[in-house]
N, C-alpha and C. Protein backbone atom coordinates (compact mmCIF):
# COMPACT_ATOMS: atom_id res chain seq x y z
N MET A 1 15.89 1.93 22.75
CA MET A 1 15.32 1.17 23.76
C MET A 1 15.37 -0.20 24.05
N ASP A 2 16.74 0.05 24.82
CA ASP A 2 17.52 -1.56 25.21
C ASP A 2 16.69 -2.07 27.04
N GLY A 3 16.63 -3.67 26.89
CA GLY A 3 16.23 -3.99 28.12
C GLY A 3 15.26 -5.08 28.09
N ASN A 4 14.83 -5.13 27.20
CA ASN A 4 13.79 -6.13 26.56
C ASN A 4 13.51 -6.92 27.66
N GLY A 5 14.65 -7.74 27.05
CA GLY A 5 15.26 -9.53 27.36
C GLY A 5 15.37 -9.58 28.78
N ARG A 6 16.66 -8.24 29.35
CA ARG A 6 16.79 -8.33 30.97
C ARG A 6 15.18 -8.17 31.19
N TRP A 7 14.12 -7.45 31.15
CA TRP A 7 13.04 -7.46 31.82
C TRP A 7 12.65 -8.29 32.03
N ALA A 8 12.11 -9.36 31.01
CA ALA A 8 11.46 -10.67 30.94
C ALA A 8 12.58 -11.53 31.77
N ARG A 9 13.73 -11.50 31.61
CA ARG A 9 14.89 -13.01 32.57
C ARG A 9 14.28 -12.27 33.56
N GLN A 10 14.10 -11.27 34.20
CA GLN A 10 14.24 -10.78 35.62
C GLN A 10 12.91 -11.26 36.31
N ARG A 11 11.90 -11.39 35.54
CA ARG A 11 9.99 -11.70 35.72
C ARG A 11 10.68 -13.20 35.36
N GLY A 12 11.38 -14.01 34.76
CA GLY A 12 11.37 -15.72 34.78
C GLY A 12 10.67 -16.02 33.79
N LEU A 13 10.18 -14.94 32.50
CA LEU A 13 9.36 -14.94 31.67
C LEU A 13 10.16 -14.78 30.07
N PRO A 14 9.68 -15.85 29.05
CA PRO A 14 10.37 -15.72 27.96
C PRO A 14 10.98 -13.88 26.76
N ARG A 15 11.84 -14.10 26.57
CA ARG A 15 11.93 -13.29 25.41
C ARG A 15 10.87 -12.53 25.01
N ALA A 16 9.94 -13.19 24.58
CA ALA A 16 8.87 -12.13 23.96
C ALA A 16 8.50 -11.23 24.30
N PHE A 17 7.97 -11.61 25.82
CA PHE A 17 7.01 -11.28 26.43
C PHE A 17 7.88 -10.25 26.99
N GLY A 18 9.00 -10.10 27.44
CA GLY A 18 9.79 -8.24 27.04
C GLY A 18 9.43 -7.37 25.68
N HIS A 19 9.78 -8.03 24.74
CA HIS A 19 9.27 -7.72 23.52
C HIS A 19 8.22 -6.29 23.51
N GLN A 20 6.97 -7.49 23.58
CA GLN A 20 5.83 -7.57 23.81
C GLN A 20 5.58 -6.09 24.47
N GLU A 21 5.91 -5.92 26.10
CA GLU A 21 6.08 -4.81 26.89
C GLU A 21 6.86 -3.62 26.45
N GLY A 22 7.65 -3.63 25.30
CA GLY A 22 7.72 -2.92 24.74
C GLY A 22 7.44 -2.17 23.88
N VAL A 23 6.71 -2.82 23.18
CA VAL A 23 6.08 -2.21 22.17
C VAL A 23 4.46 -1.19 23.16
N LYS A 24 4.07 -1.27 24.86
CA LYS A 24 4.08 -1.09 25.27
C LYS A 24 4.19 0.36 25.42
N ALA A 25 5.63 0.45 25.67
CA ALA A 25 6.02 1.58 26.39
C ALA A 25 6.66 2.48 25.05
N LEU A 26 6.92 1.94 24.18
CA LEU A 26 6.40 3.05 22.92
C LEU A 26 5.67 3.88 22.15
N HIS A 27 4.47 2.62 22.29
CA HIS A 27 2.92 3.21 22.19
C HIS A 27 2.39 4.33 23.34
N GLU A 28 3.29 4.45 24.23
CA GLU A 28 2.97 5.53 25.57
C GLU A 28 3.92 6.44 25.26
N ALA A 29 5.19 6.04 24.60
CA ALA A 29 5.99 7.26 24.57
C ALA A 29 5.47 8.40 23.05
N VAL A 30 4.99 7.24 22.13
CA VAL A 30 4.03 8.31 21.18
C VAL A 30 3.07 9.34 21.93
N GLU A 31 2.03 9.00 22.62
CA GLU A 31 1.45 9.74 23.22
C GLU A 31 1.56 10.90 23.72
N VAL A 32 2.59 10.39 24.50
CA VAL A 32 3.35 11.78 25.83
C VAL A 32 3.96 13.14 24.43
N CYS A 33 4.99 12.48 23.64
CA CYS A 33 5.54 13.85 22.89
C CYS A 33 4.55 13.84 21.62
N ASN A 34 2.71 13.43 21.53
CA ASN A 34 2.52 14.28 20.81
C ASN A 34 1.74 14.93 21.77
N ASP A 35 1.13 14.65 22.76
CA ASP A 35 0.35 15.29 23.90
C ASP A 35 2.05 16.81 23.69
N LEU A 36 3.14 16.64 24.37
CA LEU A 36 3.74 17.73 24.52
C LEU A 36 4.09 18.76 23.22
N GLY A 37 3.60 18.43 21.84
CA GLY A 37 3.34 18.75 20.91
C GLY A 37 5.25 18.73 20.27
N ILE A 38 6.10 17.40 20.62
CA ILE A 38 6.91 17.47 20.26
C ILE A 38 6.50 17.19 18.73
N ARG A 39 7.57 17.17 17.76
CA ARG A 39 7.18 17.90 16.45
C ARG A 39 7.86 15.96 16.02
N TYR A 40 9.09 15.24 16.47
CA TYR A 40 9.58 14.09 15.83
C TYR A 40 10.25 13.44 16.80
N LEU A 41 10.21 12.42 16.58
CA LEU A 41 10.30 11.28 17.78
C LEU A 41 11.01 9.99 16.63
N THR A 42 11.55 9.43 17.13
CA THR A 42 12.20 8.23 16.05
C THR A 42 13.21 7.22 16.82
N ALA A 43 12.55 5.89 16.75
CA ALA A 43 13.23 5.35 17.60
C ALA A 43 13.86 3.75 16.74
N TYR A 44 14.41 3.54 18.02
CA TYR A 44 15.78 2.70 17.17
C TYR A 44 14.46 1.29 17.08
N THR A 45 14.11 0.88 16.29
CA THR A 45 13.36 -0.69 15.89
C THR A 45 14.26 -1.73 16.35
N PHE A 46 14.82 -1.82 14.96
CA PHE A 46 16.09 -3.09 14.89
C PHE A 46 16.94 -2.43 14.20
N SER A 47 18.30 -3.10 14.71
CA SER A 47 19.80 -2.55 14.23
C SER A 47 19.93 -3.21 12.96
N THR A 48 20.92 -3.19 12.15
CA THR A 48 21.77 -4.01 11.28
C THR A 48 21.98 -5.52 12.42
N GLU A 49 22.54 -5.02 13.26
CA GLU A 49 22.94 -5.72 14.36
C GLU A 49 22.74 -7.01 14.87
N ASN A 50 21.17 -6.21 14.54
CA ASN A 50 20.04 -7.48 15.57
C ASN A 50 20.31 -8.44 14.63
N TRP A 51 20.18 -8.67 13.28
CA TRP A 51 19.88 -9.77 11.97
C TRP A 51 20.52 -10.40 13.06
N PHE A 52 22.26 -10.90 14.06
CA PHE A 52 22.84 -11.77 13.76
C PHE A 52 22.39 -12.13 15.06
N ARG A 53 21.19 -11.77 15.41
CA ARG A 53 20.39 -12.71 16.79
C ARG A 53 20.21 -13.74 16.45
N PRO A 54 19.72 -14.82 17.52
CA PRO A 54 19.27 -16.25 17.04
C PRO A 54 17.65 -15.96 16.25
N LYS A 55 17.69 -16.43 15.18
CA LYS A 55 16.85 -17.18 14.02
C LYS A 55 15.32 -16.59 15.12
N VAL A 56 15.39 -17.41 16.23
CA VAL A 56 13.68 -18.13 16.17
C VAL A 56 13.86 -16.26 16.68
N GLU A 57 14.45 -15.61 18.01
CA GLU A 57 14.43 -14.56 18.14
C GLU A 57 14.31 -12.96 17.49
N VAL A 58 14.50 -13.19 15.86
CA VAL A 58 13.87 -12.06 15.08
C VAL A 58 13.29 -12.91 14.15
N ASP A 59 12.74 -13.65 14.18
CA ASP A 59 11.30 -13.78 13.34
C ASP A 59 10.26 -13.63 14.30
N LEU A 60 10.66 -13.62 15.71
CA LEU A 60 9.61 -12.79 16.75
C LEU A 60 9.34 -11.59 16.29
N LEU A 61 10.32 -10.83 16.12
CA LEU A 61 10.80 -9.19 16.91
C LEU A 61 10.39 -8.73 14.73
N LEU A 62 10.63 -9.78 13.76
CA LEU A 62 9.59 -9.02 12.51
C LEU A 62 8.22 -9.50 12.48
N LYS A 63 7.96 -10.13 13.23
CA LYS A 63 6.41 -11.01 13.26
C LYS A 63 5.46 -9.83 14.06
N LEU A 64 6.59 -9.77 15.36
CA LEU A 64 5.61 -8.09 16.11
C LEU A 64 5.65 -7.37 15.34
N MET A 65 6.85 -6.94 14.85
CA MET A 65 6.40 -5.45 14.14
C MET A 65 5.37 -5.33 13.33
N ALA A 66 5.05 -5.92 12.20
CA ALA A 66 4.18 -6.35 11.43
C ALA A 66 2.62 -6.29 12.47
N ARG A 67 2.76 -6.99 12.98
CA ARG A 67 0.95 -7.22 13.40
C ARG A 67 1.30 -5.50 14.22
N THR A 68 2.74 -5.20 14.67
CA THR A 68 1.81 -3.63 15.72
C THR A 68 1.83 -3.07 14.51
N MET A 69 2.36 -2.44 13.73
CA MET A 69 2.29 -1.73 12.81
C MET A 69 0.96 -1.45 12.18
N ASP A 70 0.12 -2.92 11.73
CA ASP A 70 -1.41 -2.90 11.94
C ASP A 70 -1.94 -2.60 12.59
N GLU A 71 -1.93 -3.21 13.66
CA GLU A 71 -2.64 -2.78 14.78
C GLU A 71 -2.47 -1.55 15.49
N GLU A 72 -1.49 -0.73 15.39
CA GLU A 72 -1.45 0.80 15.63
C GLU A 72 -2.05 2.09 14.57
N ARG A 73 -2.26 1.69 13.31
CA ARG A 73 -2.69 2.35 12.17
C ARG A 73 -3.75 2.73 12.41
N PRO A 74 -4.71 2.57 12.78
CA PRO A 74 -5.70 3.44 12.96
C PRO A 74 -6.02 4.51 14.01
N GLY A 75 -4.82 4.25 15.18
CA GLY A 75 -5.20 5.27 16.08
C GLY A 75 -3.67 6.27 15.78
N LEU A 76 -2.90 5.62 15.28
CA LEU A 76 -1.98 6.72 14.15
C LEU A 76 -2.38 7.82 13.33
N ILE A 77 -3.40 7.39 12.08
CA ILE A 77 -4.19 8.08 11.46
C ILE A 77 -5.18 8.74 12.40
N LYS A 78 -5.86 8.40 12.99
CA LYS A 78 -6.47 9.51 14.10
C LYS A 78 -5.55 10.13 14.97
N ASN A 79 -4.84 9.71 15.02
CA ASN A 79 -4.41 11.45 16.29
C ASN A 79 -3.55 11.77 15.18
N ASN A 80 -3.41 12.01 14.02
CA ASN A 80 -2.61 12.96 13.10
C ASN A 80 -1.77 12.84 12.99
N ILE A 81 -0.67 11.67 13.47
CA ILE A 81 1.29 11.13 13.79
C ILE A 81 0.65 10.76 12.10
N ARG A 82 2.52 11.20 11.64
CA ARG A 82 2.56 10.08 10.39
C ARG A 82 3.82 9.59 10.88
N THR A 83 3.78 8.36 10.04
CA THR A 83 4.98 7.51 10.40
C THR A 83 6.15 7.22 9.06
N ARG A 84 7.61 7.09 9.20
CA ARG A 84 8.17 7.00 8.29
C ARG A 84 9.12 6.09 8.90
N ALA A 85 9.97 5.82 8.02
CA ALA A 85 11.05 4.85 8.30
C ALA A 85 12.10 5.04 7.64
N ILE A 86 13.44 4.80 8.29
CA ILE A 86 15.09 4.37 8.11
C ILE A 86 15.47 3.25 8.16
N GLY A 87 16.11 2.83 6.80
CA GLY A 87 17.56 2.16 6.97
C GLY A 87 17.56 1.36 6.29
N ARG A 88 18.16 0.28 5.90
CA ARG A 88 18.49 -0.75 4.64
C ARG A 88 17.27 -0.87 4.34
N LEU A 89 16.00 -0.48 4.76
CA LEU A 89 14.84 -1.35 3.95
C LEU A 89 13.92 -2.58 3.03
N ALA A 90 15.74 -2.29 2.47
CA ALA A 90 15.16 -3.87 1.35
C ALA A 90 15.39 -4.89 1.99
N ASP A 91 16.59 -4.72 3.10
CA ASP A 91 16.77 -6.19 3.81
C ASP A 91 15.71 -6.88 3.98
N LEU A 92 14.41 -5.76 4.48
CA LEU A 92 12.91 -6.72 5.54
C LEU A 92 12.31 -7.72 4.48
N PRO A 93 11.58 -9.09 5.08
CA PRO A 93 11.26 -9.60 4.35
C PRO A 93 9.95 -9.03 3.46
N GLU A 94 9.55 -9.50 2.78
CA GLU A 94 8.59 -8.56 1.55
C GLU A 94 7.85 -8.00 2.19
N GLY A 95 6.63 -8.95 3.29
CA GLY A 95 5.46 -9.31 4.03
C GLY A 95 5.81 -8.01 4.72
N LEU A 96 6.66 -7.68 5.99
CA LEU A 96 6.94 -6.67 6.39
C LEU A 96 7.12 -5.49 5.91
N ARG A 97 8.20 -5.85 4.58
CA ARG A 97 7.93 -4.20 4.15
C ARG A 97 6.71 -3.92 3.42
N ASP A 98 5.85 -4.40 2.56
CA ASP A 98 4.33 -4.05 2.55
C ASP A 98 3.34 -3.81 3.28
N THR A 99 3.58 -4.30 4.65
CA THR A 99 3.00 -4.00 5.63
C THR A 99 3.20 -2.37 5.84
N LEU A 100 5.11 -1.65 5.94
CA LEU A 100 4.91 -0.72 6.37
C LEU A 100 5.24 0.58 5.55
N ASP A 101 5.43 -0.08 4.24
CA ASP A 101 5.12 0.73 3.28
C ASP A 101 3.71 1.49 3.08
N ARG A 102 2.48 0.58 3.60
CA ARG A 102 1.48 1.05 3.63
C ARG A 102 1.25 1.64 4.73
N LEU A 103 1.53 1.61 5.66
CA LEU A 103 1.08 2.19 6.79
C LEU A 103 2.23 3.71 6.64
N VAL A 104 3.06 3.78 6.31
CA VAL A 104 3.77 5.00 5.25
C VAL A 104 3.16 5.74 4.51
N ALA A 105 2.28 5.14 3.26
CA ALA A 105 1.22 5.58 2.44
C ALA A 105 0.27 6.50 3.05
N ASP A 106 -0.39 5.62 4.36
CA ASP A 106 -1.41 5.71 5.08
C ASP A 106 -1.84 6.95 5.65
N THR A 107 -0.26 7.50 6.65
CA THR A 107 -0.42 8.50 7.14
C THR A 107 0.48 9.65 6.66
N THR A 108 0.70 9.28 5.38
CA THR A 108 1.66 10.33 5.08
C THR A 108 1.46 11.79 4.92
N LYS A 109 0.36 12.16 5.14
CA LYS A 109 -0.76 13.81 5.20
C LYS A 109 -0.93 14.27 6.18
N ASN A 110 -0.86 13.58 7.40
CA ASN A 110 -0.93 13.37 8.66
C ASN A 110 0.13 14.68 9.11
N THR A 111 -0.14 15.75 10.24
CA THR A 111 0.66 16.58 10.25
C THR A 111 1.14 17.16 11.64
N GLY A 112 0.93 15.96 12.21
CA GLY A 112 1.36 16.23 14.09
C GLY A 112 3.05 15.33 14.09
N LEU A 113 2.79 15.09 15.18
CA LEU A 113 4.29 14.40 14.61
C LEU A 113 4.62 13.21 14.23
N THR A 114 5.78 13.12 13.84
CA THR A 114 6.37 12.59 13.59
C THR A 114 6.98 11.89 13.61
N LEU A 115 6.39 9.95 13.56
CA LEU A 115 7.26 9.19 14.22
C LEU A 115 8.19 8.47 13.02
N THR A 116 9.52 8.24 12.85
CA THR A 116 10.22 7.64 12.23
C THR A 116 10.87 6.41 13.57
N LEU A 117 11.21 4.95 12.08
CA LEU A 117 11.13 4.10 13.03
C LEU A 117 12.56 2.93 12.07
N ALA A 118 13.57 3.13 13.06
CA ALA A 118 14.85 2.95 12.35
C ALA A 118 15.17 1.53 12.04
N ILE A 119 14.70 0.76 11.40
CA ILE A 119 14.68 -0.25 10.59
C ILE A 119 15.42 -0.81 10.08
N SER A 120 16.30 -2.01 10.58
CA SER A 120 17.39 -2.93 10.08
C SER A 120 18.74 -1.77 10.00
N TYR A 121 18.83 -0.38 11.03
CA TYR A 121 19.32 0.90 10.86
C TYR A 121 20.92 0.52 11.50
N GLY A 122 21.35 0.92 10.38
CA GLY A 122 23.06 1.57 11.39
C GLY A 122 23.34 2.74 11.02
N GLY A 123 24.08 3.25 11.85
CA GLY A 123 24.40 4.64 11.71
C GLY A 123 26.06 4.99 9.93
N ARG A 124 27.05 3.77 11.14
CA ARG A 124 27.74 3.30 9.64
C ARG A 124 27.27 3.39 8.54
N SER A 125 26.15 2.25 8.87
CA SER A 125 25.52 2.32 7.47
C SER A 125 25.40 3.30 6.27
N GLU A 126 24.50 3.95 7.24
CA GLU A 126 23.56 5.19 6.75
C GLU A 126 24.96 5.78 6.17
N ILE A 127 26.40 6.12 6.73
CA ILE A 127 27.23 6.57 6.29
C ILE A 127 27.47 6.16 4.95
N ILE A 128 27.61 5.12 5.05
CA ILE A 128 28.27 4.54 4.04
C ILE A 128 27.75 4.75 2.37
N ASP A 129 26.13 4.42 3.19
CA ASP A 129 25.47 4.10 2.40
C ASP A 129 25.00 5.81 0.93
N ALA A 130 24.95 6.84 2.27
CA ALA A 130 25.00 8.20 1.55
C ALA A 130 26.34 8.45 0.93
N CYS A 131 27.78 7.51 1.17
CA CYS A 131 28.77 7.37 0.37
C CYS A 131 28.74 7.23 -1.12
N CYS A 132 27.58 5.93 -1.08
CA CYS A 132 27.86 5.79 -2.45
C CYS A 132 26.91 6.16 -3.44
N ARG A 133 26.06 6.71 -2.84
CA ARG A 133 25.06 7.45 -3.14
C ARG A 133 25.78 8.31 -4.03
N ALA A 134 26.53 9.39 -3.18
CA ALA A 134 27.58 10.94 -3.98
C ALA A 134 28.53 9.71 -5.35
N VAL A 135 29.02 8.92 -5.02
CA VAL A 135 29.95 8.31 -5.92
C VAL A 135 29.11 8.25 -7.35
N GLN A 136 27.85 7.08 -7.12
CA GLN A 136 26.92 7.38 -8.26
C GLN A 136 26.58 8.36 -9.08
N ALA A 137 25.96 9.77 -8.27
CA ALA A 137 25.71 10.98 -8.74
C ALA A 137 27.80 11.34 -9.23
N GLY A 138 28.34 10.87 -8.82
CA GLY A 138 29.60 11.47 -9.54
C GLY A 138 29.92 13.27 -9.13
N ARG A 139 28.73 13.38 -8.02
CA ARG A 139 29.17 14.75 -7.46
C ARG A 139 29.35 14.43 -5.82
N PRO A 140 30.83 14.43 -5.62
CA PRO A 140 30.80 14.64 -3.94
C PRO A 140 30.62 16.01 -2.80
N PRO A 141 29.64 15.61 -1.74
CA PRO A 141 29.18 16.15 -1.20
C PRO A 141 30.52 17.69 -0.76
N GLN A 142 30.61 18.92 -0.71
CA GLN A 142 31.37 20.18 -0.87
C GLN A 142 30.83 20.52 0.70
N THR A 143 29.43 20.10 1.24
CA THR A 143 29.52 20.86 2.75
C THR A 143 28.45 20.06 3.32
N GLU A 144 28.36 20.34 4.55
CA GLU A 144 27.56 19.33 5.61
C GLU A 144 26.04 18.98 5.13
N ALA A 145 25.85 20.28 4.54
CA ALA A 145 24.37 20.34 4.13
C ALA A 145 24.21 19.24 2.62
N GLU A 146 24.99 19.02 1.84
CA GLU A 146 25.31 18.33 1.03
C GLU A 146 25.24 16.70 1.14
N PHE A 147 26.38 16.85 2.28
CA PHE A 147 26.34 15.30 2.54
C PHE A 147 25.09 15.26 3.77
N GLY A 148 24.06 15.75 4.29
CA GLY A 148 22.90 15.63 4.34
C GLY A 148 21.87 15.10 4.03
N ALA A 149 21.80 16.08 2.67
CA ALA A 149 21.22 15.26 1.54
C ALA A 149 20.79 14.14 1.31
N LEU A 150 22.15 13.85 1.23
CA LEU A 150 22.32 12.26 1.08
C LEU A 150 21.44 10.97 1.86
N LEU A 151 21.79 11.37 3.19
CA LEU A 151 21.69 10.38 4.41
C LEU A 151 19.94 10.11 3.85
N TYR A 152 18.90 9.13 4.39
CA TYR A 152 18.49 8.41 4.25
C TYR A 152 17.31 9.19 4.67
N ASP A 153 16.58 10.01 5.49
CA ASP A 153 15.77 10.86 5.61
C ASP A 153 16.17 12.38 5.47
N PRO A 154 16.76 12.50 4.67
CA PRO A 154 16.83 14.47 4.98
C PRO A 154 16.35 15.38 5.26
N SER A 155 14.56 15.04 5.51
CA SER A 155 13.40 15.91 5.90
C SER A 155 13.43 15.47 7.32
N LEU A 156 14.79 14.67 7.60
CA LEU A 156 14.29 14.59 9.12
C LEU A 156 15.58 15.00 10.09
N PRO A 157 14.87 16.40 11.06
CA PRO A 157 15.61 17.42 11.23
C PRO A 157 16.66 16.51 12.36
N ASP A 158 18.36 16.76 12.88
CA ASP A 158 18.55 15.79 13.45
C ASP A 158 18.28 16.69 15.33
N PRO A 159 18.44 15.45 16.54
CA PRO A 159 17.73 15.27 17.69
C PRO A 159 18.33 15.97 18.18
N ASP A 160 17.57 16.59 18.94
CA ASP A 160 17.83 17.76 20.07
C ASP A 160 18.28 16.99 21.56
N LEU A 161 17.55 15.39 21.41
CA LEU A 161 17.51 14.83 22.08
C LEU A 161 17.65 13.35 22.19
N LEU A 162 18.57 12.71 22.65
CA LEU A 162 18.75 11.18 22.90
C LEU A 162 18.38 10.72 23.74
N ILE A 163 17.31 9.65 24.18
CA ILE A 163 17.70 9.14 25.11
C ILE A 163 17.62 7.60 25.14
N ARG A 164 18.36 7.05 25.90
CA ARG A 164 19.33 5.41 26.02
C ARG A 164 18.39 4.82 27.59
N THR A 165 17.66 4.03 27.26
CA THR A 165 17.16 3.20 28.61
C THR A 165 18.09 2.13 28.48
N GLY A 166 17.97 1.15 29.84
CA GLY A 166 18.73 -0.13 30.04
C GLY A 166 20.15 -0.01 30.80
N GLY A 167 20.48 0.70 31.15
CA GLY A 167 21.78 1.38 31.64
C GLY A 167 22.79 1.57 30.82
N ASP A 168 22.87 1.26 30.38
CA ASP A 168 24.56 1.60 28.83
C ASP A 168 24.54 2.81 28.67
N ARG A 169 25.61 3.42 29.00
CA ARG A 169 26.38 4.85 28.49
C ARG A 169 27.08 4.68 27.11
N ARG A 170 26.40 4.12 25.84
CA ARG A 170 26.80 4.37 25.14
C ARG A 170 25.58 4.58 23.80
N ILE A 171 26.45 5.04 22.25
CA ILE A 171 24.97 5.20 21.26
C ILE A 171 24.55 3.96 20.17
N SER A 172 25.91 3.31 20.04
CA SER A 172 25.64 2.05 19.85
C SER A 172 24.79 2.27 18.54
N ASN A 173 26.02 3.22 17.85
CA ASN A 173 26.07 3.08 16.11
C ASN A 173 24.65 3.50 15.59
N TYR A 174 23.87 4.57 16.46
CA TYR A 174 23.39 5.55 16.22
C TYR A 174 22.67 6.63 16.28
N LEU A 175 22.42 6.92 14.80
CA LEU A 175 22.35 8.38 14.24
C LEU A 175 23.44 9.20 14.30
N LEU A 176 24.73 8.47 14.12
CA LEU A 176 26.05 8.76 14.16
C LEU A 176 26.53 10.17 13.30
N TRP A 177 25.54 10.37 12.05
CA TRP A 177 26.32 12.02 11.52
C TRP A 177 25.22 12.37 12.32
N GLN A 178 23.82 12.79 12.49
CA GLN A 178 22.92 13.92 13.11
C GLN A 178 23.18 13.75 14.52
N LEU A 179 23.74 12.90 15.30
CA LEU A 179 23.66 13.32 17.23
C LEU A 179 25.02 13.75 17.16
N ALA A 180 25.72 15.18 16.20
CA ALA A 180 26.75 15.57 16.82
C ALA A 180 26.42 16.80 17.70
N TYR A 181 25.09 17.39 17.59
CA TYR A 181 25.04 18.23 18.74
C TYR A 181 24.30 18.34 19.72
N ALA A 182 23.38 16.61 19.68
CA ALA A 182 22.18 15.94 20.25
C ALA A 182 22.53 16.30 22.32
N GLU A 183 21.77 16.33 23.38
CA GLU A 183 21.74 15.76 24.16
C GLU A 183 21.77 14.41 24.69
N LEU A 184 22.77 14.34 25.60
CA LEU A 184 22.44 12.66 25.42
C LEU A 184 21.55 12.62 26.78
N HIS A 185 20.37 11.44 27.61
CA HIS A 185 20.11 10.92 29.01
C HIS A 185 20.13 9.44 28.69
N PHE A 186 20.97 9.66 29.47
CA PHE A 186 20.75 7.74 30.18
C PHE A 186 20.30 7.51 31.80
N THR A 187 19.93 6.63 31.41
CA THR A 187 18.87 6.10 32.38
C THR A 187 18.93 4.49 32.80
N ASP A 188 18.96 4.02 33.94
CA ASP A 188 19.13 2.49 33.95
C ASP A 188 17.35 1.67 34.32
N THR A 189 16.70 2.33 34.44
CA THR A 189 14.97 1.64 33.54
C THR A 189 15.13 1.53 31.85
N LEU A 190 14.51 -0.18 32.49
CA LEU A 190 14.37 -0.78 31.77
C LEU A 190 13.38 -0.61 30.67
N TRP A 191 13.44 -0.83 29.36
CA TRP A 191 12.52 0.52 28.07
C TRP A 191 11.29 -0.47 28.52
N PRO A 192 10.42 -1.66 28.62
CA PRO A 192 9.34 -1.76 29.39
C PRO A 192 8.89 -0.96 30.44
N ASP A 193 9.60 -0.75 30.89
CA ASP A 193 9.64 0.23 32.40
C ASP A 193 9.27 1.48 31.92
N PHE A 194 10.25 2.28 31.27
CA PHE A 194 9.90 3.50 30.76
C PHE A 194 8.73 3.79 30.13
N ARG A 195 7.78 4.74 31.03
CA ARG A 195 6.65 5.17 30.91
C ARG A 195 6.41 6.41 30.85
N ARG A 196 5.25 6.96 31.03
CA ARG A 196 4.80 8.74 30.72
C ARG A 196 5.78 9.20 31.84
N GLU A 197 6.11 8.91 33.31
CA GLU A 197 6.72 9.84 34.18
C GLU A 197 8.22 10.20 33.72
N GLN A 198 8.81 8.55 33.50
CA GLN A 198 10.67 9.03 33.32
C GLN A 198 10.43 9.62 32.05
N LEU A 199 9.27 9.02 30.60
CA LEU A 199 9.87 10.24 29.83
C LEU A 199 9.29 11.37 29.96
N LEU A 200 9.21 12.34 30.99
CA LEU A 200 8.35 13.86 31.14
C LEU A 200 9.90 13.64 32.25
N ALA A 201 10.44 12.92 33.03
CA ALA A 201 11.56 13.89 33.82
C ALA A 201 12.79 13.71 32.88
N ALA A 202 12.82 12.44 31.30
CA ALA A 202 13.89 12.96 30.37
C ALA A 202 13.90 14.63 29.74
N VAL A 203 12.44 14.97 29.74
CA VAL A 203 11.96 16.07 28.99
C VAL A 203 12.55 16.72 29.97
N ASN A 204 12.04 16.62 31.30
CA ASN A 204 12.65 18.15 32.03
C ASN A 204 13.68 18.21 32.35
N ASP A 205 14.63 16.89 32.15
CA ASP A 205 15.78 17.25 32.19
C ASP A 205 16.94 18.33 31.07
N PHE A 206 16.42 17.40 29.98
CA PHE A 206 16.54 18.26 28.46
C PHE A 206 16.41 19.66 28.95
N ALA A 207 15.39 20.37 29.05
CA ALA A 207 15.18 21.70 29.59
C ALA A 207 15.83 22.65 30.63
N GLN A 208 16.60 21.64 31.43
CA GLN A 208 17.59 22.29 32.07
C GLN A 208 19.10 22.68 31.66
N ARG A 209 19.16 22.40 30.66
CA ARG A 209 20.55 21.77 29.47
C ARG A 209 20.87 23.46 29.08
N GLN A 210 21.57 23.84 28.91
CA GLN A 210 22.66 25.10 27.95
C GLN A 210 22.67 24.87 26.72
N ARG A 211 22.67 24.89 25.72
CA ARG A 211 22.90 24.49 24.30
C ARG A 211 23.77 25.08 23.79
N ARG A 212 25.42 25.37 24.02
CA ARG A 212 26.30 26.48 23.50
C ARG A 212 26.79 26.65 21.35
N PHE A 213 26.38 24.60 21.58
CA PHE A 213 26.06 24.23 20.17
C PHE A 213 28.12 24.39 20.15
N GLY A 214 29.21 24.69 20.16
CA GLY A 214 30.79 24.94 20.63
C GLY A 214 30.56 26.12 20.61
N ARG A 215 29.27 27.38 20.64
CA ARG A 215 29.47 28.70 20.86
C ARG A 215 30.55 29.00 22.19
N VAL A 216 31.05 30.54 22.67
CA VAL A 216 31.48 30.88 24.04
C VAL A 216 29.83 31.08 24.31
N ASN A 217 30.11 30.98 25.52
CA ASN A 217 28.66 30.92 26.70
C ASN A 217 28.60 32.38 26.94
N GLU A 218 28.05 33.29 26.71
CA GLU A 218 28.23 35.31 26.60
C GLU A 218 27.93 35.36 28.15
N GLU A 219 26.83 34.47 29.02
CA GLU A 219 26.12 35.01 30.21
C GLU A 219 27.39 35.04 31.71
């Protein structure tokens, strides 16, 4: 979800305003996915690299996440949306971790869309952590399925579609294991401007793709 800072800068506003508008964009994306019957949506909320941003911005982002979780919880419960989280969650401040744990617990029985927040997340870190779990267990994985079971959330299916906003054409350390056969959709639209129309366009683009997963096209 890239482009919050640039969106604010283009308007002569502090970066905080861009992050706040980004929250609104995510809220709308969740609504649209739920309306479409999409079962899983994973949002790259805060990366392992984001910790190296200026402390003022990091603190702002962490507070914004905590406030948003509290504000969105009633709506998520009402709309039958389950919330999960992946990443090095132990790195989060205690207050934010408590808020996240409460949100996950309060929505765990919901059966609609699963919204997964990738927080303090990095694809390489996830793979390293999975290897460490295998070493600790003394049982190296012999298959892809066994390795997948060591990831942060083994119940999370591999993504069908990756959407990246903001103009960059790379995946930037996101779900490196899981994206092996995902379709990629890149757009120049900055994240705060990525709303229902843009999301529907991305989904329609995906619907036109022919997915072969390395198999021969028999048509």
